Amino acid sequence: MAKLGTYGIVRFDLNLFPQATRTLTPVLLTLAVIGILYGAVVACAQRDLKRLVAFSSLAQLGFIVLGTFALTSQGLTGAVIQMVNHGLIIAALFLVIGWLYERRKSWQANELKGLQWSAPVMAGVFTVVMLASIGVPGLNGFIGEFLILSGTFIVHRWWAVAATFGIIIAALYLLWAYQQVFHGEPTERDKKTRDLAWSERLIIAPLIILIVFLGVYPKPVLDRITPSVNQLIAHVDQATHTHQPPVATGQSANTAVSGSDSGSTLGAGGAR
């Protein structure tokens, strides 16, 4: 439902109210950064895994809003692909903590310890999804966050710098959650926690494959997104009589993500 809301912003707000969007851009970017930092800080205080994932989701939605209202092709491309990536990541996280609750009847991190010894596959799945949520290169979370932050930095530098702290805080609470639940000396009850069954592995496998695939090779998705994004940004620029650097063409976006020529791509965008 949250991604449906952000899709509605992209699909209707930017199309129907471009001038109002441009006028309110500083306010909306500020609210996006507040959402990122607030969600991350509150998640750090959670001991309930379900609530931790929920506030983590709030922070990720802040990134989507930031990229959307940066009103650059690169930022909006990152926001759209992050809607897809966030859906994959959050679905996998809720599956894992749901299976944990099914086995232990608790979402409290301080009641779980050392589960990697009795459930190594579950620990491995949680690790991959956690790293994707943090935005580690090679996993899908990196693609969207990189495009959002680089696209925002071109025209709204300080908002992008402030939002970067949200990534740092996210690494803290997600790594803490993994350490608390899966590391340490397991209790007798933890030792009896069963690992993922084959049916559960088959359920989670498509999500893990997509998380890795979109992190390694996002080009097919970016090629579908960028033409519509560039057209939408052109519509906003024409309606508001402004011009933003059109950095995210299909080829340049993939080049920027791969890191092979990101400096020259952003530089060219700024020059235009």
Foldseek 3Di string as FASTA:
>chain_A
DLLVVLVCCLPPVLQPPLPVLLVCLVVQLVVLLCQLVVLLVVLLVDQQQVSNLVSLLSNLSSLLSLLRSLLELLSPLLSVLSSVLSVLLSVLSVLLLVLVCVQVVGRGLQVAAQLCQAAVVSLVSLVLSLCLSLQDQLFQNVLSNLSNLLSSCLPPNVSSVSSVVSSVSSCVSSVVSSNSHNHDDGDPSSNPRHYDDPVSCVVSVVSSVNRNCCRVDVLVVLQVPSVVSVVSSVSSCVVNVHDAQHLRDSVRSVCLSVVVPVPVSSVVSSVD
